[in-house]
Amino acid sequence: MNSSNRLVQKLCNFCNVLRDDGVSTIEYVEQLTYLLFLKMAVERQKAGLGEVVTIGLDWQSLLDRDGDELEVHYRHILESLPPSSAEQSLTSQDNRPVAFPAD
């Protein structure tokens, strides 16, 4: 199995675990997106393209923790990331997702 297939299999396994824990598809896609962003930020930094994420809120800071400490730190990272303009436009004043009417 090549490295791309292994990565896809790992992602599918993570999705299965999250789904089995009651996490919706949209929620786990969002979480995987954040994790991929953090991982790609470290790859970008290694390539000499500059720092994207503050040290201490980066991929390595996740690798340095486990268990409850990891979960608390991950939530802290998510709260610390500045919202994108797209997120701001899709979020209401009280930080709840905007409800879109059904088709």
PDB file of N, CA and C in Angstrom:
ATOM      1  N   MET A   1       0.856  -1.178   0.000  1.00  0.00           N
ATOM      2  CA  MET A   1       0.000   0.000   0.000  1.00  0.00           C
ATOM      3  C   MET A   1       0.900   1.238   0.000  1.00  0.00           C
ATOM      4  N   ASN A   2       0.656   2.173  -0.932  1.00  0.00           N
ATOM      5  CA  ASN A   2       1.499   3.370  -0.987  1.00  0.00           C
ATOM      6  C   ASN A   2       1.082   4.374   0.081  1.00  0.00           C
ATOM      7  N   SER A   3       1.893   5.420   0.255  1.00  0.00           N
ATOM      8  CA  SER A   3       1.664   6.368   1.343  1.00  0.00           C
ATOM      9  C   SER A   3       0.343   7.118   1.204  1.00  0.00           C
ATOM     10  N   SER A   4      -0.090   7.414  -0.014  1.00  0.00           N
ATOM     11  CA  SER A   4      -1.379   8.083  -0.207  1.00  0.00           C
ATOM     12  C   SER A   4      -2.528   7.197   0.251  1.00  0.00           C
ATOM     13  N   ASN A   5      -2.452   5.927  -0.087  1.00  0.00           N
ATOM     14  CA  ASN A   5      -3.501   4.995   0.340  1.00  0.00           C
ATOM     15  C   ASN A   5      -3.515   4.834   1.854  1.00  0.00           C
ATOM     16  N   ARG A   6      -2.327   4.811   2.457  1.00  0.00           N
ATOM     17  CA  ARG A   6      -2.253   4.710   3.922  1.00  0.00           C
ATOM     18  C   ARG A   6      -2.880   5.929   4.580  1.00  0.00           C
ATOM     19  N   LEU A   7      -2.610   7.113   4.038  1.00  0.00           N
ATOM     20  CA  LEU A   7      -3.185   8.340   4.589  1.00  0.00           C
ATOM     21  C   LEU A   7      -4.705   8.320   4.479  1.00  0.00           C
ATOM     22  N   VAL A   8      -5.205   7.932   3.332  1.00  0.00           N
ATOM     23  CA  VAL A   8      -6.658   7.850   3.135  1.00  0.00           C
ATOM     24  C   VAL A   8      -7.252   6.849   4.123  1.00  0.00           C
ATOM     25  N   GLN A   9      -6.603   5.711   4.298  1.00  0.00           N
ATOM     26  CA  GLN A   9      -7.093   4.699   5.231  1.00  0.00           C
ATOM     27  C   GLN A   9      -7.095   5.235   6.662  1.00  0.00           C
ATOM     28  N   LYS A  10      -6.044   5.967   7.060  1.00  0.00           N
ATOM     29  CA  LYS A  10      -5.997   6.554   8.404  1.00  0.00           C
ATOM     30  C   LYS A  10      -7.141   7.540   8.592  1.00  0.00           C
ATOM     31  N   LEU A  11      -7.368   8.395   7.592  1.00  0.00           N
ATOM     32  CA  LEU A  11      -8.456   9.370   7.692  1.00  0.00           C
ATOM     33  C   LEU A  11      -9.806   8.668   7.805  1.00  0.00           C
ATOM     34  N   CYS A  12      -9.998   7.636   7.005  1.00  0.00           N
ATOM     35  CA  CYS A  12     -11.255   6.869   7.080  1.00  0.00           C
ATOM     36  C   CYS A  12     -11.418   6.236   8.460  1.00  0.00           C
ATOM     37  N   ASN A  13     -10.345   5.717   9.021  1.00  0.00           N
ATOM     38  CA  ASN A  13     -10.404   5.123  10.358  1.00  0.00           C
ATOM     39  C   ASN A  13     -10.765   6.168  11.405  1.00  0.00           C
ATOM     40  N   PHE A  14     -10.152   7.365  11.312  1.00  0.00           N
ATOM     41  CA  PHE A  14     -10.486   8.449  12.243  1.00  0.00           C
ATOM     42  C   PHE A  14     -11.956   8.823  12.109  1.00  0.00           C
ATOM     43  N   CYS A  15     -12.438   8.915  10.870  1.00  0.00           N
ATOM     44  CA  CYS A  15     -13.843   9.254  10.630  1.00  0.00           C
ATOM     45  C   CYS A  15     -14.762   8.212  11.232  1.00  0.00           C
ATOM     46  N   ASN A  16     -14.393   6.940  11.105  1.00  0.00           N
ATOM     47  CA  ASN A  16     -15.210   5.862  11.678  1.00  0.00           C
ATOM     48  C   ASN A  16     -15.272   5.973  13.200  1.00  0.00           C
ATOM     49  N   VAL A  17     -14.151   6.265  13.826  1.00  0.00           N
ATOM     50  CA  VAL A  17     -14.119   6.425  15.284  1.00  0.00           C
ATOM     51  C   VAL A  17     -15.003   7.598  15.699  1.00  0.00           C
ATOM     52  N   LEU A  18     -14.865   8.729  15.006  1.00  0.00           N
ATOM     53  CA  LEU A  18     -15.670   9.897  15.348  1.00  0.00           C
ATOM     54  C   LEU A  18     -17.157   9.629  15.134  1.00  0.00           C
ATOM     55  N   ARG A  19     -17.488   8.997  14.015  1.00  0.00           N
ATOM     56  CA  ARG A  19     -18.886   8.686  13.727  1.00  0.00           C
ATOM     57  C   ARG A  19     -19.445   7.749  14.792  1.00  0.00           C
ATOM     58  N   ASP A  20     -18.658   6.751  15.190  1.00  0.00           N
ATOM     59  CA  ASP A  20     -19.104   5.803  16.220  1.00  0.00           C
ATOM     60  C   ASP A  20     -19.302   6.494  17.566  1.00  0.00           C
ATOM     61  N   ASP A  21     -18.608   7.616  17.780  1.00  0.00           N
ATOM     62  CA  ASP A  21     -18.768   8.394  19.011  1.00  0.00           C
ATOM     63  C   ASP A  21     -19.906   9.397  18.919  1.00  0.00           C
ATOM     64  N   GLY A  22     -20.672   9.346  17.810  1.00  0.00           N
ATOM     65  CA  GLY A  22     -21.828  10.223  17.686  1.00  0.00           C
ATOM     66  C   GLY A  22     -21.548  11.560  17.043  1.00  0.00           C
ATOM     67  N   VAL A  23     -20.370  11.739  16.461  1.00  0.00           N
ATOM     68  CA  VAL A  23     -20.014  12.994  15.807  1.00  0.00           C
ATOM     69  C   VAL A  23     -20.567  12.964  14.383  1.00  0.00           C
ATOM     70  N   SER A  24     -21.244  14.031  13.989  1.00  0.00           N
ATOM     71  CA  SER A  24     -21.834  14.072  12.650  1.00  0.00           C
ATOM     72  C   SER A  24     -20.749  14.209  11.582  1.00  0.00           C
ATOM     73  N   THR A  25     -21.117  13.885  10.360  1.00  0.00           N
ATOM     74  CA  THR A  25     -20.176  13.975   9.240  1.00  0.00           C
ATOM     75  C   THR A  25     -19.617  15.383   9.116  1.00  0.00           C
ATOM     76  N   ILE A  26     -20.462  16.382   9.202  1.00  0.00           N
ATOM     77  CA  ILE A  26     -19.998  17.774   9.068  1.00  0.00           C
ATOM     78  C   ILE A  26     -19.024  18.118  10.184  1.00  0.00           C
ATOM     79  N   GLU A  27     -19.325  17.677  11.403  1.00  0.00           N
ATOM     80  CA  GLU A  27     -18.446  17.970  12.530  1.00  0.00           C
ATOM     81  C   GLU A  27     -17.082  17.305  12.365  1.00  0.00           C
ATOM     82  N   TYR A  28     -17.056  16.041  11.939  1.00  0.00           N
ATOM     83  CA  TYR A  28     -15.748  15.400  11.837  1.00  0.00           C
ATOM     84  C   TYR A  28     -14.970  15.895  10.639  1.00  0.00           C
ATOM     85  N   VAL A  29     -15.637  16.295   9.573  1.00  0.00           N
ATOM     86  CA  VAL A  29     -14.914  16.899   8.449  1.00  0.00           C
ATOM     87  C   VAL A  29     -14.287  18.221   8.906  1.00  0.00           C
ATOM     88  N   GLU A  30     -15.024  18.988   9.692  1.00  0.00           N
ATOM     89  CA  GLU A  30     -14.488  20.248  10.222  1.00  0.00           C
ATOM     90  C   GLU A  30     -13.255  19.990  11.093  1.00  0.00           C
ATOM     91  N   GLN A  31     -13.339  19.001  11.983  1.00  0.00           N
ATOM     92  CA  GLN A  31     -12.214  18.694  12.871  1.00  0.00           C
ATOM     93  C   GLN A  31     -11.003  18.199  12.080  1.00  0.00           C
ATOM     94  N   LEU A  32     -11.228  17.342  11.098  1.00  0.00           N
ATOM     95  CA  LEU A  32     -10.115  16.862  10.274  1.00  0.00           C
ATOM     96  C   LEU A  32      -9.490  18.007   9.484  1.00  0.00           C
ATOM     97  N   THR A  33     -10.313  18.952   9.049  1.00  0.00           N
ATOM     98  CA  THR A  33      -9.792  20.124   8.333  1.00  0.00           C
ATOM     99  C   THR A  33      -8.863  20.931   9.223  1.00  0.00           C
ATOM    100  N   TYR A  34      -9.271  21.155  10.476  1.00  0.00           N
ATOM    101  CA  TYR A  34      -8.403  21.886  11.407  1.00  0.00           C
ATOM    102  C   TYR A  34      -7.088  21.137  11.630  1.00  0.00           C
ATOM    103  N   LEU A  35      -7.172  19.828  11.829  1.00  0.00           N
ATOM    104  CA  LEU A  35      -5.956  19.049  12.057  1.00  0.00           C
ATOM    105  C   LEU A  35      -5.039  19.073  10.836  1.00  0.00           C
ATOM    106  N   LEU A  36      -5.612  18.951   9.650  1.00  0.00           N
ATOM    107  CA  LEU A  36      -4.797  19.024   8.428  1.00  0.00           C
ATOM    108  C   LEU A  36      -4.169  20.406   8.272  1.00  0.00           C
ATOM    109  N   PHE A  37      -4.911  21.448   8.636  1.00  0.00           N
ATOM    110  CA  PHE A  37      -4.356  22.799   8.599  1.00  0.00           C
ATOM    111  C   PHE A  37      -3.133  22.900   9.508  1.00  0.00           C
ATOM    112  N   LEU A  38      -3.245  22.382  10.728  1.00  0.00           N
ATOM    113  CA  LEU A  38      -2.111  22.447  11.655  1.00  0.00           C
ATOM    114  C   LEU A  38      -0.928  21.642  11.141  1.00  0.00           C
ATOM    115  N   LYS A  39      -1.199  20.481  10.562  1.00  0.00           N
ATOM    116  CA  LYS A  39      -0.120  19.645  10.026  1.00  0.00           C
ATOM    117  C   LYS A  39       0.540  20.322   8.826  1.00  0.00           C
ATOM    118  N   MET A  40      -0.253  20.894   7.941  1.00  0.00           N
ATOM    119  CA  MET A  40       0.304  21.568   6.765  1.00  0.00           C
ATOM    120  C   MET A  40       1.074  22.834   7.162  1.00  0.00           C
ATOM    121  N   ALA A  41       0.673  23.475   8.235  1.00  0.00           N
ATOM    122  CA  ALA A  41       1.388  24.661   8.707  1.00  0.00           C
ATOM    123  C   ALA A  41       2.812  24.304   9.112  1.00  0.00           C
ATOM    124  N   VAL A  42       3.000  23.148   9.769  1.00  0.00           N
ATOM    125  CA  VAL A  42       4.346  22.741  10.165  1.00  0.00           C
ATOM    126  C   VAL A  42       5.161  22.335   8.934  1.00  0.00           C
ATOM    127  N   GLU A  43       4.516  21.710   7.965  1.00  0.00           N
ATOM    128  CA  GLU A  43       5.220  21.349   6.736  1.00  0.00           C
ATOM    129  C   GLU A  43       5.663  22.610   5.988  1.00  0.00           C
ATOM    130  N   ARG A  44       4.823  23.604   5.969  1.00  0.00           N
ATOM    131  CA  ARG A  44       5.155  24.881   5.335  1.00  0.00           C
ATOM    132  C   ARG A  44       6.351  25.538   6.038  1.00  0.00           C
ATOM    133  N   GLN A  45       6.338  25.495   7.362  1.00  0.00           N
ATOM    134  CA  GLN A  45       7.444  26.075   8.128  1.00  0.00           C
ATOM    135  C   GLN A  45       8.744  25.315   7.866  1.00  0.00           C
ATOM    136  N   LYS A  46       8.683  23.986   7.801  1.00  0.00           N
ATOM    137  CA  LYS A  46       9.876  23.177   7.517  1.00  0.00           C
ATOM    138  C   LYS A  46      10.451  23.501   6.145  1.00  0.00           C
ATOM    139  N   ALA A  47       9.585  23.872   5.207  1.00  0.00           N
ATOM    140  CA  ALA A  47      10.031  24.202   3.846  1.00  0.00           C
ATOM    141  C   ALA A  47      10.567  25.632   3.751  1.00  0.00           C
ATOM    142  N   GLY A  48      10.604  26.339   4.891  1.00  0.00           N
ATOM    143  CA  GLY A  48      11.140  27.697   4.898  1.00  0.00           C
ATOM    144  C   GLY A  48      10.189  28.751   4.368  1.00  0.00           C
ATOM    145  N   LEU A  49       8.892  28.451   4.412  1.00  0.00           N
ATOM    146  CA  LEU A  49       7.900  29.388   3.876  1.00  0.00           C
ATOM    147  C   LEU A  49       7.263  30.264   4.946  1.00  0.00           C
ATOM    148  N   GLY A  50       7.806  30.225   6.140  1.00  0.00           N
ATOM    149  CA  GLY A  50       7.320  31.090   7.203  1.00  0.00           C
ATOM    150  C   GLY A  50       6.381  30.389   8.167  1.00  0.00           C
ATOM    151  N   GLU A  51       6.207  31.041   9.295  1.00  0.00           N
ATOM    152  CA  GLU A  51       5.362  30.522  10.362  1.00  0.00           C
ATOM    153  C   GLU A  51       3.916  30.923  10.111  1.00  0.00           C
ATOM    154  N   VAL A  52       3.016  29.973  10.195  1.00  0.00           N
ATOM    155  CA  VAL A  52       1.594  30.239   9.992  1.00  0.00           C
ATOM    156  C   VAL A  52       0.865  30.208  11.331  1.00  0.00           C
ATOM    157  N   VAL A  53       1.294  29.315  12.208  1.00  0.00           N
ATOM    158  CA  VAL A  53       0.647  29.126  13.496  1.00  0.00           C
ATOM    159  C   VAL A  53       1.652  29.424  14.597  1.00  0.00           C
ATOM    160  N   THR A  54       1.204  30.091  15.629  1.00  0.00           N
ATOM    161  CA  THR A  54       2.051  30.439  16.764  1.00  0.00           C
ATOM    162  C   THR A  54       2.582  29.174  17.435  1.00  0.00           C
ATOM    163  N   ILE A  55       3.867  29.190  17.780  1.00  0.00           N
ATOM    164  CA  ILE A  55       4.460  28.065  18.513  1.00  0.00           C
ATOM    165  C   ILE A  55       3.717  27.930  19.836  1.00  0.00           C
ATOM    166  N   GLY A  56       3.402  26.707  20.201  1.00  0.00           N
ATOM    167  CA  GLY A  56       2.610  26.447  21.391  1.00  0.00           C
ATOM    168  C   GLY A  56       1.150  26.184  21.045  1.00  0.00           C
ATOM    169  N   LEU A  57       0.758  26.611  19.835  1.00  0.00           N
ATOM    170  CA  LEU A  57      -0.592  26.341  19.337  1.00  0.00           C
ATOM    171  C   LEU A  57      -0.500  25.558  18.031  1.00  0.00           C
ATOM    172  N   ASP A  58       0.587  24.853  17.865  1.00  0.00           N
ATOM    173  CA  ASP A  58       0.907  24.205  16.593  1.00  0.00           C
ATOM    174  C   ASP A  58       0.787  22.682  16.687  1.00  0.00           C
ATOM    175  N   TRP A  59       1.101  22.037  15.601  1.00  0.00           N
ATOM    176  CA  TRP A  59       1.037  20.585  15.499  1.00  0.00           C
ATOM    177  C   TRP A  59       1.881  19.908  16.577  1.00  0.00           C
ATOM    178  N   GLN A  60       3.103  20.404  16.768  1.00  0.00           N
ATOM    179  CA  GLN A  60       3.998  19.790  17.759  1.00  0.00           C
ATOM    180  C   GLN A  60       3.408  19.856  19.162  1.00  0.00           C
ATOM    181  N   SER A  61       2.700  20.939  19.451  1.00  0.00           N
ATOM    182  CA  SER A  61       2.097  21.053  20.780  1.00  0.00           C
ATOM    183  C   SER A  61       1.030  19.977  20.998  1.00  0.00           C
ATOM    184  N   LEU A  62       0.411  19.503  19.916  1.00  0.00           N
ATOM    185  CA  LEU A  62      -0.532  18.385  20.033  1.00  0.00           C
ATOM    186  C   LEU A  62       0.214  17.073  20.252  1.00  0.00           C
ATOM    187  N   LEU A  63       1.326  16.895  19.529  1.00  0.00           N
ATOM    188  CA  LEU A  63       2.112  15.662  19.659  1.00  0.00           C
ATOM    189  C   LEU A  63       2.705  15.506  21.052  1.00  0.00           C
ATOM    190  N   ASP A  64       2.915  16.632  21.731  1.00  0.00           N
ATOM    191  CA  ASP A  64       3.536  16.618  23.059  1.00  0.00           C
ATOM    192  C   ASP A  64       2.561  16.258  24.179  1.00  0.00           C
ATOM    193  N   ARG A  65       1.284  16.054  23.852  1.00  0.00           N
ATOM    194  CA  ARG A  65       0.268  15.787  24.864  1.00  0.00           C
ATOM    195  C   ARG A  65      -0.505  14.513  24.518  1.00  0.00           C
ATOM    196  N   ASP A  66      -1.221  14.001  25.529  1.00  0.00           N
ATOM    197  CA  ASP A  66      -2.138  12.895  25.267  1.00  0.00           C
ATOM    198  C   ASP A  66      -3.275  12.945  26.275  1.00  0.00           C
ATOM    199  N   GLY A  67      -4.272  12.113  26.047  1.00  0.00           N
ATOM    200  CA  GLY A  67      -5.404  12.016  26.964  1.00  0.00           C
ATOM    201  C   GLY A  67      -6.178  13.314  27.106  1.00  0.00           C
ATOM    202  N   ASP A  68      -6.629  13.561  28.333  1.00  0.00           N
ATOM    203  CA  ASP A  68      -7.432  14.755  28.610  1.00  0.00           C
ATOM    204  C   ASP A  68      -6.665  16.040  28.317  1.00  0.00           C
ATOM    205  N   GLU A  69      -5.365  16.034  28.612  1.00  0.00           N
ATOM    206  CA  GLU A  69      -4.549  17.222  28.351  1.00  0.00           C
ATOM    207  C   GLU A  69      -4.543  17.562  26.858  1.00  0.00           C
ATOM    208  N   LEU A  70      -4.490  16.548  26.013  1.00  0.00           N
ATOM    209  CA  LEU A  70      -4.528  16.756  24.568  1.00  0.00           C
ATOM    210  C   LEU A  70      -5.854  17.375  24.149  1.00  0.00           C
ATOM    211  N   GLU A  71      -6.953  16.845  24.663  1.00  0.00           N
ATOM    212  CA  GLU A  71      -8.269  17.373  24.295  1.00  0.00           C
ATOM    213  C   GLU A  71      -8.434  18.826  24.744  1.00  0.00           C
ATOM    214  N   VAL A  72      -8.024  19.131  25.956  1.00  0.00           N
ATOM    215  CA  VAL A  72      -8.123  20.508  26.465  1.00  0.00           C
ATOM    216  C   VAL A  72      -7.262  21.443  25.624  1.00  0.00           C
ATOM    217  N   HIS A  73      -6.060  21.013  25.300  1.00  0.00           N
ATOM    218  CA  HIS A  73      -5.157  21.847  24.506  1.00  0.00           C
ATOM    219  C   HIS A  73      -5.689  22.045  23.089  1.00  0.00           C
ATOM    220  N   TYR A  74      -6.244  21.006  22.486  1.00  0.00           N
ATOM    221  CA  TYR A  74      -6.810  21.116  21.144  1.00  0.00           C
ATOM    222  C   TYR A  74      -7.954  22.126  21.137  1.00  0.00           C
ATOM    223  N   ARG A  75      -8.816  22.066  22.138  1.00  0.00           N
ATOM    224  CA  ARG A  75      -9.907  23.048  22.230  1.00  0.00           C
ATOM    225  C   ARG A  75      -9.344  24.462  22.374  1.00  0.00           C
ATOM    226  N   HIS A  76      -8.272  24.593  23.143  1.00  0.00           N
ATOM    227  CA  HIS A  76      -7.630  25.900  23.306  1.00  0.00           C
ATOM    228  C   HIS A  76      -7.092  26.408  21.960  1.00  0.00           C
ATOM    229  N   ILE A  77      -6.493  25.522  21.194  1.00  0.00           N
ATOM    230  CA  ILE A  77      -5.984  25.906  19.869  1.00  0.00           C
ATOM    231  C   ILE A  77      -7.138  26.402  19.000  1.00  0.00           C
ATOM    232  N   LEU A  78      -8.236  25.666  18.971  1.00  0.00           N
ATOM    233  CA  LEU A  78      -9.376  26.056  18.139  1.00  0.00           C
ATOM    234  C   LEU A  78      -9.926  27.415  18.554  1.00  0.00           C
ATOM    235  N   GLU A  79      -9.969  27.672  19.850  1.00  0.00           N
ATOM    236  CA  GLU A  79     -10.465  28.961  20.335  1.00  0.00           C
ATOM    237  C   GLU A  79      -9.488  30.086  20.027  1.00  0.00           C
ATOM    238  N   SER A  80      -8.208  29.761  19.879  1.00  0.00           N
ATOM    239  CA  SER A  80      -7.173  30.766  19.640  1.00  0.00           C
ATOM    240  C   SER A  80      -7.004  31.132  18.176  1.00  0.00           C
ATOM    241  N   LEU A  81      -7.433  30.246  17.270  1.00  0.00           N
ATOM    242  CA  LEU A  81      -7.285  30.543  15.850  1.00  0.00           C
ATOM    243  C   LEU A  81      -8.208  31.702  15.472  1.00  0.00           C
ATOM    244  N   PRO A  82      -7.682  32.680  14.758  1.00  0.00           N
ATOM    245  CA  PRO A  82      -8.561  33.775  14.341  1.00  0.00           C
ATOM    246  C   PRO A  82      -9.573  33.268  13.328  1.00  0.00           C
ATOM    247  N   PRO A  83     -10.819  33.709  13.434  1.00  0.00           N
ATOM    248  CA  PRO A  83     -11.811  33.249  12.461  1.00  0.00           C
ATOM    249  C   PRO A  83     -11.542  33.842  11.085  1.00  0.00           C
ATOM    250  N   SER A  84     -11.778  33.043  10.073  1.00  0.00           N
ATOM    251  CA  SER A  84     -11.621  33.546   8.706  1.00  0.00           C
ATOM    252  C   SER A  84     -12.817  34.422   8.376  1.00  0.00           C
ATOM    253  N   SER A  85     -12.703  35.206   7.345  1.00  0.00           N
ATOM    254  CA  SER A  85     -13.825  36.053   6.945  1.00  0.00           C
ATOM    255  C   SER A  85     -15.019  35.206   6.551  1.00  0.00           C
ATOM    256  N   ALA A  86     -14.780  34.028   5.978  1.00  0.00           N
ATOM    257  CA  ALA A  86     -15.881  33.134   5.620  1.00  0.00           C
ATOM    258  C   ALA A  86     -16.602  32.656   6.871  1.00  0.00           C
ATOM    259  N   GLU A  87     -15.828  32.273   7.898  1.00  0.00           N
ATOM    260  CA  GLU A  87     -16.453  31.845   9.146  1.00  0.00           C
ATOM    261  C   GLU A  87     -17.243  32.985   9.766  1.00  0.00           C
ATOM    262  N   GLN A  88     -16.687  34.190   9.737  1.00  0.00           N
ATOM    263  CA  GLN A  88     -17.380  35.330  10.315  1.00  0.00           C
ATOM    264  C   GLN A  88     -18.688  35.599   9.604  1.00  0.00           C
ATOM    265  N   SER A  89     -18.716  35.428   8.301  1.00  0.00           N
ATOM    266  CA  SER A  89     -19.940  35.701   7.558  1.00  0.00           C
ATOM    267  C   SER A  89     -20.982  34.610   7.747  1.00  0.00           C
ATOM    268  N   LEU A  90     -20.556  33.402   8.165  1.00  0.00           N
ATOM    269  CA  LEU A  90     -21.492  32.297   8.367  1.00  0.00           C
ATOM    270  C   LEU A  90     -21.866  32.105   9.831  1.00  0.00           C
ATOM    271  N   THR A  91     -21.411  33.005  10.692  1.00  0.00           N
ATOM    272  CA  THR A  91     -21.664  32.880  12.119  1.00  0.00           C
ATOM    273  C   THR A  91     -22.464  34.082  12.590  1.00  0.00           C
ATOM    274  N   SER A  92     -23.447  33.829  13.434  1.00  0.00           N
ATOM    275  CA  SER A  92     -24.268  34.912  13.955  1.00  0.00           C
ATOM    276  C   SER A  92     -23.537  35.643  15.073  1.00  0.00           C
ATOM    277  N   GLN A  93     -24.156  36.689  15.594  1.00  0.00           N
ATOM    278  CA  GLN A  93     -23.549  37.513  16.645  1.00  0.00           C
ATOM    279  C   GLN A  93     -23.161  36.707  17.874  1.00  0.00           C
ATOM    280  N   ASP A  94     -23.976  35.725  18.263  1.00  0.00           N
ATOM    281  CA  ASP A  94     -23.686  34.970  19.477  1.00  0.00           C
ATOM    282  C   ASP A  94     -22.879  33.710  19.204  1.00  0.00           C
ATOM    283  N   ASN A  95     -22.208  33.673  18.032  1.00  0.00           N
ATOM    284  CA  ASN A  95     -21.276  32.608  17.674  1.00  0.00           C
ATOM    285  C   ASN A  95     -21.953  31.266  17.428  1.00  0.00           C
ATOM    286  N   ARG A  96     -23.228  31.286  17.069  1.00  0.00           N
ATOM    287  CA  ARG A  96     -23.900  30.056  16.650  1.00  0.00           C
ATOM    288  C   ARG A  96     -23.934  30.034  15.137  1.00  0.00           C
ATOM    289  N   PRO A  97     -23.829  28.860  14.539  1.00  0.00           N
ATOM    290  CA  PRO A  97     -23.923  28.798  13.073  1.00  0.00           C
ATOM    291  C   PRO A  97     -25.263  29.368  12.604  1.00  0.00           C
ATOM    292  N   VAL A  98     -25.224  30.056  11.496  1.00  0.00           N
ATOM    293  CA  VAL A  98     -26.437  30.606  10.916  1.00  0.00           C
ATOM    294  C   VAL A  98     -27.294  29.452  10.416  1.00  0.00           C
ATOM    295  N   ALA A  99     -28.584  29.517  10.673  1.00  0.00           N
ATOM    296  CA  ALA A  99     -29.508  28.486  10.195  1.00  0.00           C
ATOM    297  C   ALA A  99     -29.930  28.825   8.789  1.00  0.00           C
ATOM    298  N   PHE A 100     -29.642  27.938   7.858  1.00  0.00           N
ATOM    299  CA  PHE A 100     -30.036  28.151   6.470  1.00  0.00           C
ATOM    300  C   PHE A 100     -31.368  27.468   6.233  1.00  0.00           C
ATOM    301  N   PRO A 101     -32.270  28.113   5.482  1.00  0.00           N
ATOM    302  CA  PRO A 101     -33.558  27.484   5.195  1.00  0.00           C
ATOM    303  C   PRO A 101     -33.384  26.234   4.339  1.00  0.00           C
ATOM    304  N   ALA A 102     -34.281  25.285   4.519  1.00  0.00           N
ATOM    305  CA  ALA A 102     -34.241  24.052   3.714  1.00  0.00           C
ATOM    306  C   ALA A 102     -34.638  24.374   2.292  1.00  0.00           C
ATOM    307  N   ASP A 103     -34.107  23.597   1.347  1.00  0.00           N
ATOM    308  CA  ASP A 103     -34.451  23.809  -0.079  1.00  0.00           C
ATOM    309  C   ASP A 103     -35.888  23.500  -0.359  1.00  0.00           C
TER     310      ASP A 103
END
